Amino acid sequence: MTNNSESQITAAKVKELQTQVDDLKELVNTLLSIICEEPDGVTSGAAPSYGQPKMNYCM
């Protein structure tokens, strides 16, 4: 019985950790999207920021 209950506890912990990893992946992707978005909302990487030369700046 001990082996079975330990297996269930381990499986529950793995499932919880996988859920946390999935949530963190989503958060990282959201943050990267925000960081890479240009000030004028264009995400092509070609539009310069105001007052800066055309050097493919993202922010």
C-alpha atoms as a PDB file:
ATOM      1  CA  MET A   1       0.000   0.000   0.000  1.00  0.00           C
ATOM      2  CA  THR A   2       2.815   2.402   0.810  1.00  0.00           C
ATOM      3  CA  ASN A   3       4.296   2.082  -2.651  1.00  0.00           C
ATOM      4  CA  ASN A   4       0.915   2.791  -4.279  1.00  0.00           C
ATOM      5  CA  SER A   5       0.236   5.882  -2.135  1.00  0.00           C
ATOM      6  CA  GLU A   6       3.747   7.189  -2.773  1.00  0.00           C
ATOM      7  CA  SER A   7       3.167   6.717  -6.481  1.00  0.00           C
ATOM      8  CA  GLN A   8      -0.092   8.660  -6.304  1.00  0.00           C
ATOM      9  CA  ILE A   9       1.582  11.496  -4.364  1.00  0.00           C
ATOM     10  CA  THR A  10       4.408  11.634  -6.898  1.00  0.00           C
ATOM     11  CA  ALA A  11       1.971  11.678  -9.798  1.00  0.00           C
ATOM     12  CA  ALA A  12       0.022  14.515  -8.172  1.00  0.00           C
ATOM     13  CA  LYS A  13       3.217  16.518  -7.623  1.00  0.00           C
ATOM     14  CA  VAL A  14       4.294  15.968 -11.232  1.00  0.00           C
ATOM     15  CA  LYS A  15       0.885  17.107 -12.483  1.00  0.00           C
ATOM     16  CA  GLU A  16       1.037  20.246 -10.300  1.00  0.00           C
ATOM     17  CA  LEU A  17       4.555  21.051 -11.489  1.00  0.00           C
ATOM     18  CA  GLN A  18       3.515  20.575 -15.128  1.00  0.00           C
ATOM     19  CA  THR A  19       0.633  23.004 -14.600  1.00  0.00           C
ATOM     20  CA  GLN A  20       3.043  25.552 -13.115  1.00  0.00           C
ATOM     21  CA  VAL A  21       5.460  25.105 -16.024  1.00  0.00           C
ATOM     22  CA  ASP A  22       2.661  25.627 -18.544  1.00  0.00           C
ATOM     23  CA  ASP A  23       1.538  28.797 -16.734  1.00  0.00           C
ATOM     24  CA  LEU A  24       5.097  30.129 -16.660  1.00  0.00           C
ATOM     25  CA  LYS A  25       5.570  29.406 -20.375  1.00  0.00           C
ATOM     26  CA  GLU A  26       2.441  31.399 -21.147  1.00  0.00           C
ATOM     27  CA  LEU A  27       3.661  34.268 -18.954  1.00  0.00           C
ATOM     28  CA  VAL A  28       7.096  34.302 -20.604  1.00  0.00           C
ATOM     29  CA  ASN A  29       5.564  34.338 -24.085  1.00  0.00           C
ATOM     30  CA  THR A  30       3.286  37.218 -23.083  1.00  0.00           C
ATOM     31  CA  LEU A  31       6.189  39.193 -21.633  1.00  0.00           C
ATOM     32  CA  LEU A  32       8.327  38.585 -24.713  1.00  0.00           C
ATOM     33  CA  SER A  33       5.500  39.786 -26.919  1.00  0.00           C
ATOM     34  CA  ILE A  34       5.199  42.962 -24.853  1.00  0.00           C
ATOM     35  CA  ILE A  35       8.956  43.570 -24.859  1.00  0.00           C
ATOM     36  CA  CYS A  36       9.285  43.054 -28.609  1.00  0.00           C
ATOM     37  CA  GLU A  37       6.301  45.219 -29.537  1.00  0.00           C
ATOM     38  CA  GLU A  38       7.269  48.613 -30.907  1.00  0.00           C
ATOM     39  CA  PRO A  39       5.904  51.838 -29.390  1.00  0.00           C
ATOM     40  CA  ASP A  40       3.594  52.500 -32.336  1.00  0.00           C
ATOM     41  CA  GLY A  41       2.116  48.985 -32.148  1.00  0.00           C
ATOM     42  CA  VAL A  42       3.852  47.712 -35.287  1.00  0.00           C
ATOM     43  CA  THR A  43       5.626  44.403 -34.652  1.00  0.00           C
ATOM     44  CA  SER A  44       7.511  44.114 -37.939  1.00  0.00           C
ATOM     45  CA  GLY A  45      10.793  45.444 -36.539  1.00  0.00           C
ATOM     46  CA  ALA A  46      11.118  47.922 -39.414  1.00  0.00           C
ATOM     47  CA  ALA A  47       9.555  51.047 -37.885  1.00  0.00           C
ATOM     48  CA  PRO A  48      11.951  53.219 -35.845  1.00  0.00           C
ATOM     49  CA  SER A  49      10.996  54.750 -32.514  1.00  0.00           C
ATOM     50  CA  TYR A  50      10.367  58.468 -32.510  1.00  0.00           C
ATOM     51  CA  GLY A  51      13.597  60.470 -32.501  1.00  0.00           C
ATOM     52  CA  GLN A  52      15.855  57.497 -33.157  1.00  0.00           C
ATOM     53  CA  PRO A  53      17.679  56.573 -36.362  1.00  0.00           C
ATOM     54  CA  LYS A  54      16.510  53.600 -38.443  1.00  0.00           C
ATOM     55  CA  MET A  55      18.536  50.819 -36.836  1.00  0.00           C
ATOM     56  CA  ASN A  56      15.806  48.194 -36.259  1.00  0.00           C
ATOM     57  CA  TYR A  57      15.240  49.102 -32.613  1.00  0.00           C
ATOM     58  CA  CYS A  58      12.396  47.253 -30.938  1.00  0.00           C
ATOM     59  CA  MET A  59      11.835  49.621 -28.055  1.00  0.00           C
END
